[in-house]
C-alpha atoms as a PDB file:
ATOM      1  CA  MET A   1       0.001   0.001  -0.004  1.00  0.00           C
ATOM      2  CA  ASN A   2       1.451   3.351  -1.002  1.00  0.00           C
ATOM      3  CA  GLN A   3       1.518   6.466   1.183  1.00  0.00           C
ATOM      4  CA  THR A   4      -1.576   8.032  -0.419  1.00  0.00           C
ATOM      5  CA  ALA A   5      -3.626   4.873   0.084  1.00  0.00           C
ATOM      6  CA  LYS A   6      -2.574   4.673   3.704  1.00  0.00           C
ATOM      7  CA  LYS A   7      -3.812   8.227   4.267  1.00  0.00           C
ATOM      8  CA  GLU A   8      -7.057   7.498   2.456  1.00  0.00           C
ATOM      9  CA  ASN A   9      -7.709   4.386   4.476  1.00  0.00           C
ATOM     10  CA  MET A  10      -6.850   5.980   7.812  1.00  0.00           C
ATOM     11  CA  ILE A  11      -9.770   6.315  10.182  1.00  0.00           C
ATOM     12  CA  THR A  12     -10.956   9.901  10.080  1.00  0.00           C
ATOM     13  CA  ARG A  13     -13.641   9.994  12.700  1.00  0.00           C
ATOM     14  CA  GLN A  14     -12.476  11.751  15.876  1.00  0.00           C
ATOM     15  CA  THR A  15     -14.752  11.373  18.826  1.00  0.00           C
ATOM     16  CA  PHE A  16     -14.582  11.483  22.473  1.00  0.00           C
ATOM     17  CA  TYR A  17     -14.776   8.657  24.930  1.00  0.00           C
ATOM     18  CA  ILE A  18     -15.125   9.611  28.456  1.00  0.00           C
ATOM     19  CA  SER A  19     -16.021   8.149  31.816  1.00  0.00           C
ATOM     20  CA  ILE A  20     -16.307  10.658  34.725  1.00  0.00           C
ATOM     21  CA  LEU A  21     -17.328  10.944  38.372  1.00  0.00           C
ATOM     22  CA  ILE A  22     -19.621  13.628  39.813  1.00  0.00           C
ATOM     23  CA  SER A  23     -19.325  14.333  43.521  1.00  0.00           C
ATOM     24  CA  LEU A  24     -22.208  15.768  45.540  1.00  0.00           C
ATOM     25  CA  THR A  25     -20.629  16.662  48.899  1.00  0.00           C
ATOM     26  CA  LEU A  26     -21.959  16.868  52.434  1.00  0.00           C
ATOM     27  CA  GLY A  27     -21.028  20.539  52.494  1.00  0.00           C
ATOM     28  CA  PHE A  28     -23.754  21.086  49.901  1.00  0.00           C
ATOM     29  CA  LEU A  29     -26.462  19.461  52.039  1.00  0.00           C
ATOM     30  CA  ILE A  30     -26.945  15.932  50.720  1.00  0.00           C
ATOM     31  CA  GLY A  31     -23.905  13.856  51.604  1.00  0.00           C
ATOM     32  CA  THR A  32     -21.511  12.230  49.204  1.00  0.00           C
ATOM     33  CA  ALA A  33     -22.608  10.085  46.252  1.00  0.00           C
ATOM     34  CA  TYR A  34     -20.689   9.156  43.112  1.00  0.00           C
ATOM     35  CA  THR A  35     -22.207   8.427  39.736  1.00  0.00           C
ATOM     36  CA  SER A  36     -20.565   7.838  36.346  1.00  0.00           C
ATOM     37  CA  PHE A  37     -21.834  10.153  33.657  1.00  0.00           C
ATOM     38  CA  LYS A  38     -21.292  11.056  30.038  1.00  0.00           C
ATOM     39  CA  LEU A  39     -23.572  12.717  27.558  1.00  0.00           C
ATOM     40  CA  ALA A  40     -26.080  10.295  26.092  1.00  0.00           C
ATOM     41  CA  ASP A  41     -27.627  12.385  23.324  1.00  0.00           C
ATOM     42  CA  SER A  42     -24.823  14.739  22.398  1.00  0.00           C
ATOM     43  CA  ARG A  43     -24.579  15.819  18.795  1.00  0.00           C
ATOM     44  CA  GLN A  44     -21.082  14.483  18.893  1.00  0.00           C
ATOM     45  CA  PRO A  45     -21.980  10.913  20.132  1.00  0.00           C
ATOM     46  CA  GLY A  46     -19.136   9.030  21.832  1.00  0.00           C
ATOM     47  CA  LYS A  47     -17.600   6.079  19.973  1.00  0.00           C
ATOM     48  CA  ARG A  48     -14.583   4.014  20.742  1.00  0.00           C
ATOM     49  CA  HIS A  49     -11.417   5.057  18.950  1.00  0.00           C
ATOM     50  CA  MET A  50     -10.214   1.523  18.115  1.00  0.00           C
ATOM     51  CA  PRO A  51      -9.999   0.828  14.381  1.00  0.00           C
ATOM     52  CA  PRO A  52     -12.870  -1.402  13.104  1.00  0.00           C
ATOM     53  CA  ALA A  53     -10.475  -4.324  12.507  1.00  0.00           C
ATOM     54  CA  MET A  54      -9.391  -4.215  16.133  1.00  0.00           C
ATOM     55  CA  MET A  55     -12.963  -4.015  17.400  1.00  0.00           C
ATOM     56  CA  GLY A  56     -13.851  -7.006  15.268  1.00  0.00           C
ATOM     57  CA  ASN A  57     -11.285  -9.072  17.094  1.00  0.00           C
ATOM     58  CA  MET A  58     -12.780  -8.344  20.518  1.00  0.00           C
ATOM     59  CA  PRO A  59     -15.157 -11.029  21.939  1.00  0.00           C
ATOM     60  CA  LYS A  60     -18.803 -10.159  21.383  1.00  0.00           C
ATOM     61  CA  GLY A  61     -20.179  -8.225  24.237  1.00  0.00           C
ATOM     62  CA  THR A  62     -16.829  -7.095  25.577  1.00  0.00           C
ATOM     63  CA  PRO A  63     -17.299  -3.662  27.129  1.00  0.00           C
ATOM     64  CA  ALA A  64     -15.173  -0.688  26.271  1.00  0.00           C
ATOM     65  CA  PRO A  65     -12.186  -0.488  28.664  1.00  0.00           C
ATOM     66  CA  GLU A  66     -12.653   1.987  31.502  1.00  0.00           C
ATOM     67  CA  LYS A  67     -10.025   4.130  33.121  1.00  0.00           C
ATOM     68  CA  GLY A  68      -7.826   1.992  35.314  1.00  0.00           C
ATOM     69  CA  VAL A  69      -8.858  -1.359  33.801  1.00  0.00           C
ATOM     70  CA  VAL A  70      -6.090  -3.944  34.168  1.00  0.00           C
ATOM     71  CA  GLY A  71      -5.704  -7.652  33.592  1.00  0.00           C
ATOM     72  CA  PRO A  72      -6.334  -9.774  30.478  1.00  0.00           C
ATOM     73  CA  GLN A  73      -8.786  -7.399  28.843  1.00  0.00           C
ATOM     74  CA  LYS A  74      -6.398  -4.438  28.962  1.00  0.00           C
ATOM     75  CA  GLN A  75      -3.482  -6.625  27.959  1.00  0.00           C
ATOM     76  CA  ASP A  76      -5.410  -7.965  24.948  1.00  0.00           C
ATOM     77  CA  LEU A  77      -6.334  -4.448  23.915  1.00  0.00           C
ATOM     78  CA  ALA A  78      -2.691  -3.328  24.140  1.00  0.00           C
ATOM     79  CA  ALA A  79      -1.539  -6.332  22.119  1.00  0.00           C
ATOM     80  CA  MET A  80      -4.069  -5.616  19.361  1.00  0.00           C
ATOM     81  CA  ALA A  81      -3.125  -1.932  19.357  1.00  0.00           C
ATOM     82  CA  ASP A  82       0.627  -2.534  18.895  1.00  0.00           C
ATOM     83  CA  PRO A  83       0.489  -3.238  15.081  1.00  0.00           C
ATOM     84  CA  HIS A  84      -1.684  -0.188  14.521  1.00  0.00           C
ATOM     85  CA  ILE A  85       0.689   1.979  16.560  1.00  0.00           C
ATOM     86  CA  ARG A  86       3.632   0.744  14.481  1.00  0.00           C
ATOM     87  CA  GLU A  87       1.744   1.386  11.268  1.00  0.00           C
ATOM     88  CA  LEU A  88       0.942   4.952  12.296  1.00  0.00           C
ATOM     89  CA  GLN A  89       4.494   5.571  13.439  1.00  0.00           C
ATOM     90  CA  GLY A  90       5.653   4.374  10.034  1.00  0.00           C
ATOM     91  CA  VAL A  91       3.317   6.793   8.319  1.00  0.00           C
ATOM     92  CA  LEU A  92       4.535   9.632  10.513  1.00  0.00           C
ATOM     93  CA  LYS A  93       8.182   8.774   9.886  1.00  0.00           C
ATOM     94  CA  GLU A  94       7.569   9.367   6.177  1.00  0.00           C
ATOM     95  CA  ASP A  95       5.085  12.211   6.629  1.00  0.00           C
ATOM     96  CA  PRO A  96       5.642  13.875  10.069  1.00  0.00           C
ATOM     97  CA  ASP A  97       3.243  16.725   9.219  1.00  0.00           C
ATOM     98  CA  ASN A  98       0.223  14.418   8.721  1.00  0.00           C
ATOM     99  CA  PRO A  99      -2.305  15.760  11.251  1.00  0.00           C
ATOM    100  CA  GLN A 100      -4.756  12.864  10.814  1.00  0.00           C
ATOM    101  CA  ALA A 101      -2.062  10.285  11.573  1.00  0.00           C
ATOM    102  CA  TRP A 102      -1.230  12.155  14.808  1.00  0.00           C
ATOM    103  CA  ILE A 103      -4.943  12.247  15.696  1.00  0.00           C
ATOM    104  CA  GLU A 104      -5.314   8.505  15.125  1.00  0.00           C
ATOM    105  CA  LEU A 105      -2.209   7.791  17.134  1.00  0.00           C
ATOM    106  CA  GLY A 106      -3.620   9.946  19.934  1.00  0.00           C
ATOM    107  CA  ASN A 107      -6.872   7.984  19.718  1.00  0.00           C
ATOM    108  CA  VAL A 108      -5.079   4.664  20.191  1.00  0.00           C
ATOM    109  CA  PHE A 109      -3.182   5.982  23.183  1.00  0.00           C
ATOM    110  CA  PHE A 110      -6.467   7.422  24.514  1.00  0.00           C
ATOM    111  CA  ASP A 111      -8.092   3.963  24.483  1.00  0.00           C
ATOM    112  CA  LEU A 112      -5.041   2.461  26.173  1.00  0.00           C
ATOM    113  CA  ASP A 113      -5.125   5.125  28.981  1.00  0.00           C
ATOM    114  CA  ARG A 114      -1.657   6.264  27.943  1.00  0.00           C
ATOM    115  CA  PHE A 115      -2.426   9.844  28.840  1.00  0.00           C
ATOM    116  CA  GLY A 116       0.977  11.439  28.293  1.00  0.00           C
ATOM    117  CA  ALA A 117       1.438   9.816  24.859  1.00  0.00           C
ATOM    118  CA  ALA A 118      -2.088  10.789  23.801  1.00  0.00           C
ATOM    119  CA  ILE A 119      -1.522  14.397  24.900  1.00  0.00           C
ATOM    120  CA  LYS A 120       1.692  14.613  22.852  1.00  0.00           C
ATOM    121  CA  ALA A 121       0.030  13.192  19.765  1.00  0.00           C
ATOM    122  CA  TYR A 122      -3.021  15.471  19.994  1.00  0.00           C
ATOM    123  CA  GLU A 123      -0.848  18.537  20.643  1.00  0.00           C
ATOM    124  CA  LYS A 124       1.258  17.665  17.586  1.00  0.00           C
ATOM    125  CA  SER A 125      -1.851  17.394  15.429  1.00  0.00           C
ATOM    126  CA  LEU A 126      -3.074  20.737  16.637  1.00  0.00           C
ATOM    127  CA  SER A 127       0.245  22.367  15.937  1.00  0.00           C
ATOM    128  CA  ILE A 128      -0.215  21.350  12.287  1.00  0.00           C
ATOM    129  CA  GLN A 129      -3.986  21.750  12.012  1.00  0.00           C
ATOM    130  CA  PRO A 130      -5.326  23.901  14.860  1.00  0.00           C
ATOM    131  CA  ASP A 131      -8.826  24.576  16.041  1.00  0.00           C
ATOM    132  CA  ASN A 132     -10.292  21.063  15.731  1.00  0.00           C
ATOM    133  CA  PRO A 133     -12.955  20.924  18.496  1.00  0.00           C
ATOM    134  CA  HIS A 134     -12.972  17.134  18.566  1.00  0.00           C
ATOM    135  CA  VAL A 135      -9.272  16.921  19.114  1.00  0.00           C
ATOM    136  CA  LEU A 136      -9.325  19.754  21.627  1.00  0.00           C
ATOM    137  CA  THR A 137     -12.019  17.970  23.626  1.00  0.00           C
ATOM    138  CA  ASP A 138     -10.166  14.662  23.626  1.00  0.00           C
ATOM    139  CA  LEU A 139      -7.010  16.515  24.620  1.00  0.00           C
ATOM    140  CA  GLY A 140      -8.891  18.051  27.549  1.00  0.00           C
ATOM    141  CA  VAL A 141     -10.075  14.622  28.619  1.00  0.00           C
ATOM    142  CA  MET A 142      -6.514  13.351  28.620  1.00  0.00           C
ATOM    143  CA  TYR A 143      -5.308  16.361  30.574  1.00  0.00           C
ATOM    144  CA  ARG A 144      -7.992  15.709  33.178  1.00  0.00           C
ATOM    145  CA  ARG A 145      -7.056  12.058  33.505  1.00  0.00           C
ATOM    146  CA  ASN A 146      -3.479  13.175  33.835  1.00  0.00           C
ATOM    147  CA  ASN A 147      -4.530  15.461  36.745  1.00  0.00           C
ATOM    148  CA  GLU A 148      -3.766  18.651  34.774  1.00  0.00           C
ATOM    149  CA  PHE A 149      -7.098  20.317  35.450  1.00  0.00           C
ATOM    150  CA  GLU A 150      -6.293  23.869  34.358  1.00  0.00           C
ATOM    151  CA  LYS A 151      -4.973  22.621  31.045  1.00  0.00           C
ATOM    152  CA  ALA A 152      -8.076  20.522  30.622  1.00  0.00           C
ATOM    153  CA  LEU A 153     -10.248  23.621  31.142  1.00  0.00           C
ATOM    154  CA  GLU A 154      -8.136  25.523  28.653  1.00  0.00           C
ATOM    155  CA  ALA A 155      -8.593  22.799  26.002  1.00  0.00           C
ATOM    156  CA  PHE A 156     -12.362  22.666  26.512  1.00  0.00           C
ATOM    157  CA  SER A 157     -12.601  26.438  26.388  1.00  0.00           C
ATOM    158  CA  ARG A 158     -10.667  26.463  23.102  1.00  0.00           C
ATOM    159  CA  ALA A 159     -13.052  23.831  21.695  1.00  0.00           C
ATOM    160  CA  VAL A 160     -16.165  25.905  22.436  1.00  0.00           C
ATOM    161  CA  ALA A 161     -14.423  29.041  21.208  1.00  0.00           C
ATOM    162  CA  VAL A 162     -14.032  27.292  17.831  1.00  0.00           C
ATOM    163  CA  GLN A 163     -17.471  25.695  17.914  1.00  0.00           C
ATOM    164  CA  PRO A 164     -19.789  27.229  20.542  1.00  0.00           C
ATOM    165  CA  GLY A 165     -22.289  24.421  20.143  1.00  0.00           C
ATOM    166  CA  PHE A 166     -19.844  21.640  20.907  1.00  0.00           C
ATOM    167  CA  GLU A 167     -21.780  19.833  23.637  1.00  0.00           C
ATOM    168  CA  SER A 168     -19.160  17.424  24.965  1.00  0.00           C
ATOM    169  CA  ALA A 169     -16.686  20.227  25.628  1.00  0.00           C
ATOM    170  CA  TRP A 170     -19.261  22.151  27.708  1.00  0.00           C
ATOM    171  CA  PHE A 171     -20.168  19.013  29.622  1.00  0.00           C
ATOM    172  CA  ASN A 172     -16.609  18.063  30.388  1.00  0.00           C
ATOM    173  CA  LYS A 173     -15.750  21.599  31.380  1.00  0.00           C
ATOM    174  CA  GLY A 174     -18.500  21.415  34.002  1.00  0.00           C
ATOM    175  CA  ILE A 175     -17.119  18.068  35.186  1.00  0.00           C
ATOM    176  CA  VAL A 176     -13.653  19.501  35.864  1.00  0.00           C
ATOM    177  CA  TYR A 177     -15.153  22.420  37.817  1.00  0.00           C
ATOM    178  CA  MET A 178     -17.512  20.138  39.719  1.00  0.00           C
ATOM    179  CA  HIS A 179     -15.468  17.120  40.538  1.00  0.00           C
ATOM    180  CA  ASP A 180     -11.862  18.271  40.376  1.00  0.00           C
ATOM    181  CA  LEU A 181     -11.939  21.960  41.431  1.00  0.00           C
ATOM    182  CA  ASN A 182     -15.062  21.860  43.635  1.00  0.00           C
ATOM    183  CA  ASP A 183     -16.406  24.975  41.987  1.00  0.00           C
ATOM    184  CA  ILE A 184     -20.116  24.338  41.837  1.00  0.00           C
ATOM    185  CA  SER A 185     -21.060  27.716  40.525  1.00  0.00           C
ATOM    186  CA  LYS A 186     -18.668  27.382  37.531  1.00  0.00           C
ATOM    187  CA  ALA A 187     -19.977  23.880  36.852  1.00  0.00           C
ATOM    188  CA  ILE A 188     -23.503  25.190  36.755  1.00  0.00           C
ATOM    189  CA  GLU A 189     -22.418  27.955  34.331  1.00  0.00           C
ATOM    190  CA  ALA A 190     -20.831  25.443  31.966  1.00  0.00           C
ATOM    191  CA  TRP A 191     -23.842  23.126  31.980  1.00  0.00           C
ATOM    192  CA  GLU A 192     -26.237  26.012  31.467  1.00  0.00           C
ATOM    193  CA  GLN A 193     -24.233  26.849  28.322  1.00  0.00           C
ATOM    194  CA  LEU A 194     -24.702  23.222  27.236  1.00  0.00           C
ATOM    195  CA  LEU A 195     -28.472  23.476  27.829  1.00  0.00           C
ATOM    196  CA  LYS A 196     -28.582  26.574  25.602  1.00  0.00           C
ATOM    197  CA  VAL A 197     -27.227  24.345  22.837  1.00  0.00           C
ATOM    198  CA  ASN A 198     -29.331  21.243  23.669  1.00  0.00           C
ATOM    199  CA  PRO A 199     -32.033  21.728  26.306  1.00  0.00           C
ATOM    200  CA  THR A 200     -32.746  17.971  26.333  1.00  0.00           C
ATOM    201  CA  ALA A 201     -29.175  16.822  26.897  1.00  0.00           C
ATOM    202  CA  LYS A 202     -28.940  13.723  29.081  1.00  0.00           C
ATOM    203  CA  THR A 203     -26.185  11.804  30.794  1.00  0.00           C
ATOM    204  CA  ASN A 204     -25.448   8.230  29.856  1.00  0.00           C
ATOM    205  CA  GLY A 205     -27.532   7.158  32.833  1.00  0.00           C
ATOM    206  CA  GLY A 206     -30.577   8.902  31.408  1.00  0.00           C
ATOM    207  CA  LYS A 207     -30.593  11.820  33.795  1.00  0.00           C
ATOM    208  CA  ARG A 208     -31.332  15.191  32.224  1.00  0.00           C
ATOM    209  CA  VAL A 209     -28.559  17.690  32.575  1.00  0.00           C
ATOM    210  CA  SER A 210     -31.275  20.282  33.347  1.00  0.00           C
ATOM    211  CA  GLU A 211     -32.272  18.209  36.384  1.00  0.00           C
ATOM    212  CA  LEU A 212     -28.648  17.935  37.474  1.00  0.00           C
ATOM    213  CA  VAL A 213     -28.287  21.695  37.270  1.00  0.00           C
ATOM    214  CA  GLU A 214     -31.409  22.272  39.337  1.00  0.00           C
ATOM    215  CA  THR A 215     -30.175  19.864  41.970  1.00  0.00           C
ATOM    216  CA  LEU A 216     -26.853  21.675  42.168  1.00  0.00           C
ATOM    217  CA  LYS A 217     -28.499  25.074  42.383  1.00  0.00           C
ATOM    218  CA  SER A 218     -30.521  23.888  45.372  1.00  0.00           C
ATOM    219  CA  GLN A 219     -27.228  23.097  47.148  1.00  0.00           C
ATOM    220  CA  VAL A 220     -25.485  26.372  46.554  1.00  0.00           C
ATOM    221  CA  PRO A 221     -25.935  28.772  49.507  1.00  0.00           C
ATOM    222  CA  ASN A 222     -27.819  31.945  48.681  1.00  0.00           C
END
């Protein structure tokens, strides 16, 4: 396969995959409870980054790997990813300014929870082809998982500056404020921006973001 064919066959869809925790603390009246959320009906629906061939090799019904997954499932995923990583590295050796190859490499590292490597790949793609809201949002997710919360906020803010209606960036921005920085007011602001874009936005658990916002508002002291 020549270089042009490789580029044409490269997966082009860039999406986000995210699993997050929301903390409702005793200091805001109702004790502590943790629930995993992601947007369920975003206009940028979440898909796994793994190439179709790799997904086809996974046993039927195998769930997407979550943050911190270890053992055979994660090892199998890493083993299947290795040939794709080498292929992408080969493409980039010949064409180091190929932004899509850097994005796809970042996607693979994203799925493997290799945060630092994913960040480097996404940043490289953005240095060549800036202002991609999908890449900026995935970059923000990786920064958050790498405990770089201010950089995560910066990436999400850049994403919505490029595309104000980018739902996943607004949602994840609220998550960082809520869970990582304990800034409930800022979280509410971010999610209210999301609701301006999509008033019926829901989390993966089926809870309306509007209900979540109202719950949080009831906890904020007047």
